[in-house]
Amino acid sequence: MQQNGFPAKTSSTAATWVLTDGRAGNQRQANALALALGRAAADWTLSPRAPWRWLAPRRLPGAQQAFGPAFAQALAAPPRLAIGCGRQAALATRLLRSAHCAAVQILDPRLDPQFWDLVVAPEHDGLRGANVVTLLGSLNPVDDLWLAGARKTFPAFGALPGPRTALLLGGSSAHADFDQDAFDDLAGQLQAVLEREGGSLLATTSRRTPAPVRARLRERLARLPRVSWYEPGEGANPYPGLLGWADRIVCTADSVNMLSEAAATHAPVFAYGVDRIDGRPRRFVDSLLGLGRVRPFDASLRSWPVTPLRETARVAAEVRRRLQLPD
């Protein structure tokens, strides 16, 4: 994707634009909403110049040039709908709204929501307003069709013996404290479960998982039979396959995105390290616990009937209604 230029694969005259700073989490949410709306979209990866990079989405004189000449030129022929995610993209969607484009901004822009047609924000952010649509967790593409596609793409996981336990590992953040002892404790309990029950372990890490932790856990768990381990950069990411084939999911409590996607499946979800998080992520996890969609991790991993949490479809229906978009 060409930064600050016309999208590489889709014409800039497409009826919908998706605008992000290129971060995977932001791209995933914006594209998930466009997909749920049933709209083919042109992707823009934006990298604003100074001083807009520091002050976005505040609009300074000359803001039309913040993303380079190609975007400034494209403002003359805006799409019908723009979907942005993240603070940098919020300036772009604000500019597009001034060009008579319907602007939907995902995540709290840290500015009055009045500058956008709609703002889609997690409930745990606490943002409220007449044009604010809230959701539990984060937007994601996980639905029955997506899960079926994941199983078809990664059929090898289906041949592994059950129960298949998907392990989604995050790491420390401003609101989460996961040290080596925490990961060792988790690995020890999972090892005991697999030795007791058999089955398979399908594990993946995130970029927040420290390299020494990844290496240590991989070495420890690889000694067990029927373990599939993936780290970012090792070929095709089997993460969709893990969600598609999992009989149960264990996820560290730090990641709103991973927990949201896990909760959208039909598998019971166990959050590890709830007592190690605070702030907004803790409020989100407490909401999932209150709904009964997620339970705190324990060594029994006893399953229970669940209903998938499908917030993206609900949000898309609300966006379509408020903006009077065609089905």
C-alpha atoms as a PDB file:
ATOM      1  CA  MET A   1       0.000   0.000   0.000  1.00  0.00           C
ATOM      2  CA  GLN A   2       1.443   3.323  -1.008  1.00  0.00           C
ATOM      3  CA  GLN A   3       1.752   5.717   1.916  1.00  0.00           C
ATOM      4  CA  ASN A   4      -0.019   9.029   1.446  1.00  0.00           C
ATOM      5  CA  GLY A   5      -0.788   8.124  -2.159  1.00  0.00           C
ATOM      6  CA  PHE A   6      -3.647   6.579  -4.051  1.00  0.00           C
ATOM      7  CA  PRO A   7      -4.495   3.079  -2.827  1.00  0.00           C
ATOM      8  CA  ALA A   8      -2.611   0.380  -4.688  1.00  0.00           C
ATOM      9  CA  LYS A   9      -5.434  -2.062  -5.389  1.00  0.00           C
ATOM     10  CA  THR A  10      -8.654  -0.067  -5.417  1.00  0.00           C
ATOM     11  CA  SER A  11      -9.434   3.171  -7.211  1.00  0.00           C
ATOM     12  CA  SER A  12      -9.485   6.300  -5.080  1.00  0.00           C
ATOM     13  CA  THR A  13     -12.944   6.930  -6.560  1.00  0.00           C
ATOM     14  CA  ALA A  14     -14.388   3.958  -4.620  1.00  0.00           C
ATOM     15  CA  ALA A  15     -17.595   4.734  -2.725  1.00  0.00           C
ATOM     16  CA  THR A  16     -15.895   3.960   0.597  1.00  0.00           C
ATOM     17  CA  TRP A  17     -12.422   4.742   1.902  1.00  0.00           C
ATOM     18  CA  VAL A  18     -10.757   3.065   4.880  1.00  0.00           C
ATOM     19  CA  LEU A  19      -8.100   5.246   6.494  1.00  0.00           C
ATOM     20  CA  THR A  20      -5.571   4.213   9.168  1.00  0.00           C
ATOM     21  CA  ASP A  21      -1.990   4.747  10.246  1.00  0.00           C
ATOM     22  CA  GLY A  22      -1.158   1.219   9.111  1.00  0.00           C
ATOM     23  CA  ARG A  23      -1.211  -0.358  12.552  1.00  0.00           C
ATOM     24  CA  ALA A  24      -2.670  -3.847  12.335  1.00  0.00           C
ATOM     25  CA  GLY A  25      -5.247  -3.324  15.080  1.00  0.00           C
ATOM     26  CA  ASN A  26      -6.555  -0.128  13.491  1.00  0.00           C
ATOM     27  CA  GLN A  27      -6.665  -1.617  10.004  1.00  0.00           C
ATOM     28  CA  ARG A  28      -8.486  -4.677  11.284  1.00  0.00           C
ATOM     29  CA  GLN A  29     -11.230  -2.667  12.950  1.00  0.00           C
ATOM     30  CA  ALA A  30     -11.796  -0.269  10.052  1.00  0.00           C
ATOM     31  CA  ASN A  31     -11.867  -3.040   7.465  1.00  0.00           C
ATOM     32  CA  ALA A  32     -14.153  -5.155   9.651  1.00  0.00           C
ATOM     33  CA  LEU A  33     -16.728  -2.358   9.707  1.00  0.00           C
ATOM     34  CA  ALA A  34     -16.500  -1.821   5.939  1.00  0.00           C
ATOM     35  CA  LEU A  35     -16.930  -5.566   5.395  1.00  0.00           C
ATOM     36  CA  ALA A  36     -19.916  -5.732   7.761  1.00  0.00           C
ATOM     37  CA  LEU A  37     -21.493  -2.844   5.845  1.00  0.00           C
ATOM     38  CA  GLY A  38     -20.999  -4.838   2.639  1.00  0.00           C
ATOM     39  CA  ARG A  39     -18.949  -2.087   1.037  1.00  0.00           C
ATOM     40  CA  ALA A  40     -15.871  -2.555  -1.144  1.00  0.00           C
ATOM     41  CA  ALA A  41     -13.332  -0.062   0.136  1.00  0.00           C
ATOM     42  CA  ALA A  42     -10.135   1.653  -0.907  1.00  0.00           C
ATOM     43  CA  ASP A  43      -7.454   1.420   1.776  1.00  0.00           C
ATOM     44  CA  TRP A  44      -5.361   4.461   2.663  1.00  0.00           C
ATOM     45  CA  THR A  45      -2.282   4.130   4.868  1.00  0.00           C
ATOM     46  CA  LEU A  46      -1.541   7.598   6.199  1.00  0.00           C
ATOM     47  CA  SER A  47       1.564   9.125   7.713  1.00  0.00           C
ATOM     48  CA  PRO A  48       0.938  12.815   8.424  1.00  0.00           C
ATOM     49  CA  ARG A  49       3.678  15.379   8.342  1.00  0.00           C
ATOM     50  CA  ALA A  50       4.682  17.573  11.272  1.00  0.00           C
ATOM     51  CA  PRO A  51       3.059  19.405  12.979  1.00  0.00           C
ATOM     52  CA  TRP A  52      -0.162  17.535  12.190  1.00  0.00           C
ATOM     53  CA  ARG A  53       1.448  14.249  13.188  1.00  0.00           C
ATOM     54  CA  TRP A  54       1.745  15.571  16.728  1.00  0.00           C
ATOM     55  CA  LEU A  55      -1.546  17.434  16.974  1.00  0.00           C
ATOM     56  CA  ALA A  56      -4.008  15.300  14.971  1.00  0.00           C
ATOM     57  CA  PRO A  57      -6.959  15.396  14.838  1.00  0.00           C
ATOM     58  CA  ARG A  58      -6.782  19.117  15.608  1.00  0.00           C
ATOM     59  CA  ARG A  59      -7.174  21.061  12.403  1.00  0.00           C
ATOM     60  CA  LEU A  60      -4.476  23.665  11.807  1.00  0.00           C
ATOM     61  CA  PRO A  61      -4.187  26.013   8.816  1.00  0.00           C
ATOM     62  CA  GLY A  62      -3.104  24.070   5.751  1.00  0.00           C
ATOM     63  CA  ALA A  63      -4.351  20.757   7.146  1.00  0.00           C
ATOM     64  CA  GLN A  64      -5.331  19.632   3.631  1.00  0.00           C
ATOM     65  CA  GLN A  65      -1.610  19.127   3.000  1.00  0.00           C
ATOM     66  CA  ALA A  66      -1.036  17.066   6.151  1.00  0.00           C
ATOM     67  CA  PHE A  67      -1.002  13.745   4.269  1.00  0.00           C
ATOM     68  CA  GLY A  68       0.811  14.844   1.133  1.00  0.00           C
ATOM     69  CA  PRO A  69      -0.247  16.023  -2.325  1.00  0.00           C
ATOM     70  CA  ALA A  70      -2.035  12.840  -3.416  1.00  0.00           C
ATOM     71  CA  PHE A  71      -4.477  12.966  -0.521  1.00  0.00           C
ATOM     72  CA  ALA A  72      -4.934  16.711  -0.931  1.00  0.00           C
ATOM     73  CA  GLN A  73      -5.826  16.130  -4.570  1.00  0.00           C
ATOM     74  CA  ALA A  74      -8.190  13.279  -3.684  1.00  0.00           C
ATOM     75  CA  LEU A  75     -10.152  15.559  -1.354  1.00  0.00           C
ATOM     76  CA  ALA A  76     -11.586  17.197  -4.462  1.00  0.00           C
ATOM     77  CA  ALA A  77     -13.413  13.943  -5.307  1.00  0.00           C
ATOM     78  CA  PRO A  78     -14.311  12.409  -1.935  1.00  0.00           C
ATOM     79  CA  PRO A  79     -16.113   9.088  -1.510  1.00  0.00           C
ATOM     80  CA  ARG A  80     -19.606   8.809  -0.087  1.00  0.00           C
ATOM     81  CA  LEU A  81     -18.303   7.180   3.124  1.00  0.00           C
ATOM     82  CA  ALA A  82     -14.982   7.372   4.987  1.00  0.00           C
ATOM     83  CA  ILE A  83     -14.096   5.008   7.843  1.00  0.00           C
ATOM     84  CA  GLY A  84     -11.079   5.933   9.930  1.00  0.00           C
ATOM     85  CA  CYS A  85      -9.477   4.277  12.938  1.00  0.00           C
ATOM     86  CA  GLY A  86      -6.910   5.880  15.215  1.00  0.00           C
ATOM     87  CA  ARG A  87      -5.954   9.444  16.030  1.00  0.00           C
ATOM     88  CA  GLN A  88      -3.966  10.127  12.837  1.00  0.00           C
ATOM     89  CA  ALA A  89      -6.811   8.946  10.629  1.00  0.00           C
ATOM     90  CA  ALA A  90      -9.231  11.098  12.614  1.00  0.00           C
ATOM     91  CA  LEU A  91      -7.785  14.211  10.989  1.00  0.00           C
ATOM     92  CA  ALA A  92      -8.283  12.664   7.540  1.00  0.00           C
ATOM     93  CA  THR A  93     -11.906  11.719   8.224  1.00  0.00           C
ATOM     94  CA  ARG A  94     -12.505  15.201   9.616  1.00  0.00           C
ATOM     95  CA  LEU A  95     -11.156  16.753   6.408  1.00  0.00           C
ATOM     96  CA  LEU A  96     -13.290  14.418   4.303  1.00  0.00           C
ATOM     97  CA  ARG A  97     -16.413  15.390   6.212  1.00  0.00           C
ATOM     98  CA  SER A  98     -15.712  19.025   5.343  1.00  0.00           C
ATOM     99  CA  ALA A  99     -15.634  17.844   1.719  1.00  0.00           C
ATOM    100  CA  HIS A 100     -19.206  16.524   2.096  1.00  0.00           C
ATOM    101  CA  CYS A 101     -18.314  12.911   2.819  1.00  0.00           C
ATOM    102  CA  ALA A 102     -20.003  10.914   5.581  1.00  0.00           C
ATOM    103  CA  ALA A 103     -17.272  10.335   8.182  1.00  0.00           C
ATOM    104  CA  VAL A 104     -17.187   7.475  10.687  1.00  0.00           C
ATOM    105  CA  GLN A 105     -14.345   7.539  13.176  1.00  0.00           C
ATOM    106  CA  ILE A 106     -13.461   4.422  15.190  1.00  0.00           C
ATOM    107  CA  LEU A 107     -11.970   4.868  18.695  1.00  0.00           C
ATOM    108  CA  ASP A 108     -12.137   7.992  20.822  1.00  0.00           C
ATOM    109  CA  PRO A 109     -10.562  10.823  18.753  1.00  0.00           C
ATOM    110  CA  ARG A 110      -9.794  12.777  21.942  1.00  0.00           C
ATOM    111  CA  LEU A 111     -11.789  15.651  20.532  1.00  0.00           C
ATOM    112  CA  ASP A 112     -15.470  16.573  20.551  1.00  0.00           C
ATOM    113  CA  PRO A 113     -17.371  13.925  18.506  1.00  0.00           C
ATOM    114  CA  GLN A 114     -19.272  16.736  16.750  1.00  0.00           C
ATOM    115  CA  PHE A 115     -16.523  16.920  14.113  1.00  0.00           C
ATOM    116  CA  TRP A 116     -17.577  13.519  12.703  1.00  0.00           C
ATOM    117  CA  ASP A 117     -20.913  12.102  11.608  1.00  0.00           C
ATOM    118  CA  LEU A 118     -20.458   9.097  13.871  1.00  0.00           C
ATOM    119  CA  VAL A 119     -17.837   7.988  16.364  1.00  0.00           C
ATOM    120  CA  VAL A 120     -17.642   4.280  17.195  1.00  0.00           C
ATOM    121  CA  ALA A 121     -15.992   3.767  20.585  1.00  0.00           C
ATOM    122  CA  PRO A 122     -15.613   0.926  23.099  1.00  0.00           C
ATOM    123  CA  GLU A 123     -17.865   1.177  26.128  1.00  0.00           C
ATOM    124  CA  HIS A 124     -14.851   0.969  28.425  1.00  0.00           C
ATOM    125  CA  ASP A 125     -13.510   4.255  26.982  1.00  0.00           C
ATOM    126  CA  GLY A 126     -16.419   6.097  28.573  1.00  0.00           C
ATOM    127  CA  LEU A 127     -17.134   8.311  25.532  1.00  0.00           C
ATOM    128  CA  ARG A 128     -20.786   9.248  25.164  1.00  0.00           C
ATOM    129  CA  GLY A 129     -22.727  11.566  22.847  1.00  0.00           C
ATOM    130  CA  ALA A 130     -25.657  11.821  20.481  1.00  0.00           C
ATOM    131  CA  ASN A 131     -23.528  10.653  17.552  1.00  0.00           C
ATOM    132  CA  VAL A 132     -21.464   8.086  19.495  1.00  0.00           C
ATOM    133  CA  VAL A 133     -22.088   4.373  18.905  1.00  0.00           C
ATOM    134  CA  THR A 134     -20.620   2.230  21.678  1.00  0.00           C
ATOM    135  CA  LEU A 135     -19.705  -1.433  21.604  1.00  0.00           C
ATOM    136  CA  LEU A 136     -18.326  -4.039  23.954  1.00  0.00           C
ATOM    137  CA  GLY A 137     -14.713  -4.595  22.952  1.00  0.00           C
ATOM    138  CA  SER A 138     -13.381  -3.958  19.452  1.00  0.00           C
ATOM    139  CA  LEU A 139     -14.661  -4.388  15.909  1.00  0.00           C
ATOM    140  CA  ASN A 140     -13.545  -7.602  14.230  1.00  0.00           C
ATOM    141  CA  PRO A 141     -14.448  -9.776  11.218  1.00  0.00           C
ATOM    142  CA  VAL A 142     -15.244 -12.947  13.170  1.00  0.00           C
ATOM    143  CA  ASP A 143     -18.602 -14.477  12.262  1.00  0.00           C
ATOM    144  CA  ASP A 144     -19.756 -17.928  11.165  1.00  0.00           C
ATOM    145  CA  LEU A 145     -18.705 -17.388   7.545  1.00  0.00           C
ATOM    146  CA  TRP A 146     -15.263 -16.135   8.625  1.00  0.00           C
ATOM    147  CA  LEU A 147     -14.794 -19.118  10.948  1.00  0.00           C
ATOM    148  CA  ALA A 148     -15.825 -21.561   8.209  1.00  0.00           C
ATOM    149  CA  GLY A 149     -13.303 -19.953   5.876  1.00  0.00           C
ATOM    150  CA  ALA A 150     -10.612 -20.238   8.549  1.00  0.00           C
ATOM    151  CA  ARG A 151     -11.281 -23.949   8.983  1.00  0.00           C
ATOM    152  CA  LYS A 152     -11.112 -24.476   5.225  1.00  0.00           C
ATOM    153  CA  THR A 153      -7.827 -22.561   4.971  1.00  0.00           C
ATOM    154  CA  PHE A 154      -6.184 -24.445   7.861  1.00  0.00           C
ATOM    155  CA  PRO A 155      -7.603 -27.998   7.663  1.00  0.00           C
ATOM    156  CA  ALA A 156      -4.590 -29.562   9.429  1.00  0.00           C
ATOM    157  CA  PHE A 157      -5.766 -28.234  12.801  1.00  0.00           C
ATOM    158  CA  GLY A 158      -8.987 -30.180  12.370  1.00  0.00           C
ATOM    159  CA  ALA A 159      -7.043 -33.441  12.252  1.00  0.00           C
ATOM    160  CA  LEU A 160      -5.510 -32.818  15.690  1.00  0.00           C
ATOM    161  CA  PRO A 161      -7.072 -34.659  18.626  1.00  0.00           C
ATOM    162  CA  GLY A 162      -9.513 -32.813  20.843  1.00  0.00           C
ATOM    163  CA  PRO A 163     -10.082 -31.017  22.943  1.00  0.00           C
ATOM    164  CA  ARG A 164      -8.163 -28.387  20.984  1.00  0.00           C
ATOM    165  CA  THR A 165      -7.055 -25.519  23.249  1.00  0.00           C
ATOM    166  CA  ALA A 166      -6.110 -22.266  21.514  1.00  0.00           C
ATOM    167  CA  LEU A 167      -3.630 -20.177  23.502  1.00  0.00           C
ATOM    168  CA  LEU A 168      -3.470 -16.464  22.638  1.00  0.00           C
ATOM    169  CA  LEU A 169      -0.571 -14.696  24.339  1.00  0.00           C
ATOM    170  CA  GLY A 170      -0.199 -10.948  24.739  1.00  0.00           C
ATOM    171  CA  GLY A 171       2.081  -9.161  27.169  1.00  0.00           C
ATOM    172  CA  SER A 172       2.623  -6.188  29.401  1.00  0.00           C
ATOM    173  CA  SER A 173       1.278  -2.738  28.609  1.00  0.00           C
ATOM    174  CA  ALA A 174       0.445   0.483  30.415  1.00  0.00           C
ATOM    175  CA  HIS A 175      -2.479  -1.330  32.037  1.00  0.00           C
ATOM    176  CA  ALA A 176      -1.113  -4.880  32.263  1.00  0.00           C
ATOM    177  CA  ASP A 177       1.744  -6.496  34.158  1.00  0.00           C
ATOM    178  CA  PHE A 178       2.749  -9.901  32.820  1.00  0.00           C
ATOM    179  CA  ASP A 179       6.218 -10.931  34.002  1.00  0.00           C
ATOM    180  CA  GLN A 180       8.111 -14.156  33.438  1.00  0.00           C
ATOM    181  CA  ASP A 181       6.590 -15.721  36.559  1.00  0.00           C
ATOM    182  CA  ALA A 182       3.088 -15.143  35.193  1.00  0.00           C
ATOM    183  CA  PHE A 183       3.855 -16.861  31.894  1.00  0.00           C
ATOM    184  CA  ASP A 184       5.596 -19.722  33.691  1.00  0.00           C
ATOM    185  CA  ASP A 185       2.527 -20.196  35.887  1.00  0.00           C
ATOM    186  CA  LEU A 186       0.250 -20.268  32.848  1.00  0.00           C
ATOM    187  CA  ALA A 187       2.488 -22.743  31.038  1.00  0.00           C
ATOM    188  CA  GLY A 188       2.629 -25.005  34.083  1.00  0.00           C
ATOM    189  CA  GLN A 189      -1.141 -25.126  34.435  1.00  0.00           C
ATOM    190  CA  LEU A 190      -1.669 -25.766  30.731  1.00  0.00           C
ATOM    191  CA  GLN A 191       0.930 -28.508  30.792  1.00  0.00           C
ATOM    192  CA  ALA A 192      -0.949 -30.198  33.634  1.00  0.00           C
ATOM    193  CA  VAL A 193      -4.230 -29.963  31.687  1.00  0.00           C
ATOM    194  CA  LEU A 194      -2.753 -31.525  28.552  1.00  0.00           C
ATOM    195  CA  GLU A 195      -1.053 -34.291  30.502  1.00  0.00           C
ATOM    196  CA  ARG A 196      -4.334 -35.058  32.265  1.00  0.00           C
ATOM    197  CA  GLU A 197      -6.770 -34.766  29.333  1.00  0.00           C
ATOM    198  CA  GLY A 198      -4.709 -35.238  26.198  1.00  0.00           C
ATOM    199  CA  GLY A 199      -5.908 -33.157  23.292  1.00  0.00           C
ATOM    200  CA  SER A 200      -3.928 -30.473  21.472  1.00  0.00           C
ATOM    201  CA  LEU A 201      -2.520 -27.022  22.159  1.00  0.00           C
ATOM    202  CA  LEU A 202      -2.524 -24.375  19.416  1.00  0.00           C
ATOM    203  CA  ALA A 203      -0.468 -21.392  20.571  1.00  0.00           C
ATOM    204  CA  THR A 204       0.309 -17.990  19.107  1.00  0.00           C
ATOM    205  CA  THR A 205       2.075 -14.938  20.479  1.00  0.00           C
ATOM    206  CA  SER A 206       1.725 -11.230  19.763  1.00  0.00           C
ATOM    207  CA  ARG A 207       4.276  -8.499  19.232  1.00  0.00           C
ATOM    208  CA  ARG A 208       3.870  -7.532  22.889  1.00  0.00           C
ATOM    209  CA  THR A 209       5.070 -10.947  24.051  1.00  0.00           C
ATOM    210  CA  PRO A 210       8.756 -10.475  24.999  1.00  0.00           C
ATOM    211  CA  ALA A 211      11.193 -12.551  22.950  1.00  0.00           C
ATOM    212  CA  PRO A 212      12.741 -14.297  26.022  1.00  0.00           C
ATOM    213  CA  VAL A 213       9.236 -15.256  27.182  1.00  0.00           C
ATOM    214  CA  ARG A 214       8.342 -16.629  23.759  1.00  0.00           C
ATOM    215  CA  ALA A 215      11.514 -18.703  23.617  1.00  0.00           C
ATOM    216  CA  ARG A 216      11.099 -20.088  27.112  1.00  0.00           C
ATOM    217  CA  LEU A 217       7.443 -21.002  26.684  1.00  0.00           C
ATOM    218  CA  ARG A 218       8.015 -22.506  23.277  1.00  0.00           C
ATOM    219  CA  GLU A 219      10.779 -24.738  24.596  1.00  0.00           C
ATOM    220  CA  ARG A 220       8.713 -25.815  27.582  1.00  0.00           C
ATOM    221  CA  LEU A 221       5.443 -26.517  25.805  1.00  0.00           C
ATOM    222  CA  ALA A 222       7.071 -28.042  22.716  1.00  0.00           C
ATOM    223  CA  ARG A 223       8.026 -31.036  24.864  1.00  0.00           C
ATOM    224  CA  LEU A 224       4.361 -31.971  25.002  1.00  0.00           C
ATOM    225  CA  PRO A 225       2.779 -34.004  22.189  1.00  0.00           C
ATOM    226  CA  ARG A 226       0.420 -32.327  19.720  1.00  0.00           C
ATOM    227  CA  VAL A 227       1.536 -28.742  20.185  1.00  0.00           C
ATOM    228  CA  SER A 228       1.384 -26.209  17.344  1.00  0.00           C
ATOM    229  CA  TRP A 229       3.288 -22.988  18.043  1.00  0.00           C
ATOM    230  CA  TYR A 230       3.330 -19.838  15.905  1.00  0.00           C
ATOM    231  CA  GLU A 231       5.182 -16.544  16.254  1.00  0.00           C
ATOM    232  CA  PRO A 232       4.752 -13.398  14.112  1.00  0.00           C
ATOM    233  CA  GLY A 233       6.759 -13.624  10.924  1.00  0.00           C
ATOM    234  CA  GLU A 234       6.807 -17.420  10.664  1.00  0.00           C
ATOM    235  CA  GLY A 235       5.010 -17.897   7.378  1.00  0.00           C
ATOM    236  CA  ALA A 236       1.253 -17.646   6.987  1.00  0.00           C
ATOM    237  CA  ASN A 237      -0.381 -16.566  10.229  1.00  0.00           C
ATOM    238  CA  PRO A 238      -2.616 -19.456  11.384  1.00  0.00           C
ATOM    239  CA  TYR A 239      -4.457 -17.263  13.907  1.00  0.00           C
ATOM    240  CA  PRO A 240      -7.809 -17.572  12.055  1.00  0.00           C
ATOM    241  CA  GLY A 241      -7.370 -21.349  12.040  1.00  0.00           C
ATOM    242  CA  LEU A 242      -6.796 -21.367  15.786  1.00  0.00           C
ATOM    243  CA  LEU A 243     -10.065 -19.545  16.361  1.00  0.00           C
ATOM    244  CA  GLY A 244     -11.911 -21.652  13.805  1.00  0.00           C
ATOM    245  CA  TRP A 245     -10.887 -25.028  15.204  1.00  0.00           C
ATOM    246  CA  ALA A 246     -10.630 -24.261  18.942  1.00  0.00           C
ATOM    247  CA  ASP A 247     -12.801 -26.214  21.356  1.00  0.00           C
ATOM    248  CA  ARG A 248     -11.805 -23.681  24.020  1.00  0.00           C
ATOM    249  CA  ILE A 249      -9.661 -20.558  24.081  1.00  0.00           C
ATOM    250  CA  VAL A 250      -7.228 -19.299  26.711  1.00  0.00           C
ATOM    251  CA  CYS A 251      -6.267 -15.646  26.263  1.00  0.00           C
ATOM    252  CA  THR A 252      -4.163 -13.349  28.414  1.00  0.00           C
ATOM    253  CA  ALA A 253      -6.395 -10.622  29.791  1.00  0.00           C
ATOM    254  CA  ASP A 254      -4.350  -7.706  28.422  1.00  0.00           C
ATOM    255  CA  SER A 255      -5.607  -7.739  24.822  1.00  0.00           C
ATOM    256  CA  VAL A 256      -9.000  -6.209  24.082  1.00  0.00           C
ATOM    257  CA  ASN A 257      -8.694  -7.193  20.419  1.00  0.00           C
ATOM    258  CA  MET A 258      -7.840 -10.850  21.009  1.00  0.00           C
ATOM    259  CA  LEU A 259     -10.509 -11.240  23.683  1.00  0.00           C
ATOM    260  CA  SER A 260     -13.095  -9.596  21.413  1.00  0.00           C
ATOM    261  CA  GLU A 261     -12.264 -11.968  18.567  1.00  0.00           C
ATOM    262  CA  ALA A 262     -12.205 -14.999  20.849  1.00  0.00           C
ATOM    263  CA  ALA A 263     -15.596 -14.006  22.298  1.00  0.00           C
ATOM    264  CA  ALA A 264     -17.049 -13.875  18.770  1.00  0.00           C
ATOM    265  CA  THR A 265     -16.424 -17.619  18.300  1.00  0.00           C
ATOM    266  CA  HIS A 266     -18.529 -20.495  19.613  1.00  0.00           C
ATOM    267  CA  ALA A 267     -15.783 -21.605  22.032  1.00  0.00           C
ATOM    268  CA  PRO A 268     -15.661 -20.982  25.788  1.00  0.00           C
ATOM    269  CA  VAL A 269     -13.053 -18.312  26.576  1.00  0.00           C
ATOM    270  CA  PHE A 270     -10.817 -18.249  29.653  1.00  0.00           C
ATOM    271  CA  ALA A 271      -9.001 -15.015  30.546  1.00  0.00           C
ATOM    272  CA  TYR A 272      -5.662 -15.466  32.281  1.00  0.00           C
ATOM    273  CA  GLY A 273      -4.272 -12.780  34.574  1.00  0.00           C
ATOM    274  CA  VAL A 274      -7.419 -10.759  35.256  1.00  0.00           C
ATOM    275  CA  ASP A 275      -5.843  -9.577  38.504  1.00  0.00           C
ATOM    276  CA  ARG A 276      -2.845  -8.263  36.532  1.00  0.00           C
ATOM    277  CA  ILE A 277      -4.733  -5.628  34.523  1.00  0.00           C
ATOM    278  CA  ASP A 278      -6.366  -2.334  35.432  1.00  0.00           C
ATOM    279  CA  GLY A 279      -7.929   0.737  33.830  1.00  0.00           C
ATOM    280  CA  ARG A 280      -9.940   0.435  30.632  1.00  0.00           C
ATOM    281  CA  PRO A 281      -8.903  -3.162  29.793  1.00  0.00           C
ATOM    282  CA  ARG A 282     -10.044  -4.257  33.242  1.00  0.00           C
ATOM    283  CA  ARG A 283     -13.432  -2.594  32.748  1.00  0.00           C
ATOM    284  CA  PHE A 284     -13.795  -4.464  29.458  1.00  0.00           C
ATOM    285  CA  VAL A 285     -12.874  -7.832  30.974  1.00  0.00           C
ATOM    286  CA  ASP A 286     -15.210  -7.233  33.900  1.00  0.00           C
ATOM    287  CA  SER A 287     -18.026  -6.659  31.379  1.00  0.00           C
ATOM    288  CA  LEU A 288     -17.275  -9.974  29.664  1.00  0.00           C
ATOM    289  CA  LEU A 289     -17.165 -11.742  33.016  1.00  0.00           C
ATOM    290  CA  GLY A 290     -20.458 -10.150  34.000  1.00  0.00           C
ATOM    291  CA  LEU A 291     -22.082 -11.407  30.793  1.00  0.00           C
ATOM    292  CA  GLY A 292     -20.744 -14.889  31.412  1.00  0.00           C
ATOM    293  CA  ARG A 293     -19.132 -14.936  27.970  1.00  0.00           C
ATOM    294  CA  VAL A 294     -15.654 -15.208  29.513  1.00  0.00           C
ATOM    295  CA  ARG A 295     -14.518 -16.881  32.730  1.00  0.00           C
ATOM    296  CA  PRO A 296     -11.312 -16.481  34.698  1.00  0.00           C
ATOM    297  CA  PHE A 297      -8.707 -19.071  33.800  1.00  0.00           C
ATOM    298  CA  ASP A 298      -8.503 -22.098  36.063  1.00  0.00           C
ATOM    299  CA  ALA A 299      -6.792 -25.449  35.723  1.00  0.00           C
ATOM    300  CA  SER A 300     -10.039 -27.342  35.116  1.00  0.00           C
ATOM    301  CA  LEU A 301     -10.904 -25.554  31.830  1.00  0.00           C
ATOM    302  CA  ARG A 302     -14.431 -26.870  32.216  1.00  0.00           C
ATOM    303  CA  SER A 303     -16.583 -25.897  29.224  1.00  0.00           C
ATOM    304  CA  TRP A 304     -20.052 -24.335  29.298  1.00  0.00           C
ATOM    305  CA  PRO A 305     -22.619 -23.367  26.633  1.00  0.00           C
ATOM    306  CA  VAL A 306     -21.827 -19.972  25.102  1.00  0.00           C
ATOM    307  CA  THR A 307     -23.414 -17.463  22.754  1.00  0.00           C
ATOM    308  CA  PRO A 308     -20.960 -15.695  20.406  1.00  0.00           C
ATOM    309  CA  LEU A 309     -20.530 -11.978  21.021  1.00  0.00           C
ATOM    310  CA  ARG A 310     -21.090 -10.376  17.600  1.00  0.00           C
ATOM    311  CA  GLU A 311     -20.831  -6.640  18.200  1.00  0.00           C
ATOM    312  CA  THR A 312     -19.572  -5.767  14.721  1.00  0.00           C
ATOM    313  CA  ALA A 313     -22.817  -6.780  13.012  1.00  0.00           C
ATOM    314  CA  ARG A 314     -24.833  -4.752  15.524  1.00  0.00           C
ATOM    315  CA  VAL A 315     -22.636  -1.667  15.090  1.00  0.00           C
ATOM    316  CA  ALA A 316     -22.791  -1.952  11.295  1.00  0.00           C
ATOM    317  CA  ALA A 317     -26.588  -2.076  11.406  1.00  0.00           C
ATOM    318  CA  GLU A 318     -26.622   1.060  13.560  1.00  0.00           C
ATOM    319  CA  VAL A 319     -24.190   2.893  11.262  1.00  0.00           C
ATOM    320  CA  ARG A 320     -26.278   1.918   8.242  1.00  0.00           C
ATOM    321  CA  ARG A 321     -29.463   3.158   9.922  1.00  0.00           C
ATOM    322  CA  ARG A 322     -28.065   6.471  11.129  1.00  0.00           C
ATOM    323  CA  LEU A 323     -26.321   7.334   7.858  1.00  0.00           C
ATOM    324  CA  GLN A 324     -29.180   5.930   5.754  1.00  0.00           C
ATOM    325  CA  LEU A 325     -26.856   3.684   3.795  1.00  0.00           C
ATOM    326  CA  PRO A 326     -28.394   1.106   1.442  1.00  0.00           C
ATOM    327  CA  ASP A 327     -28.352  -2.557   2.483  1.00  0.00           C
END
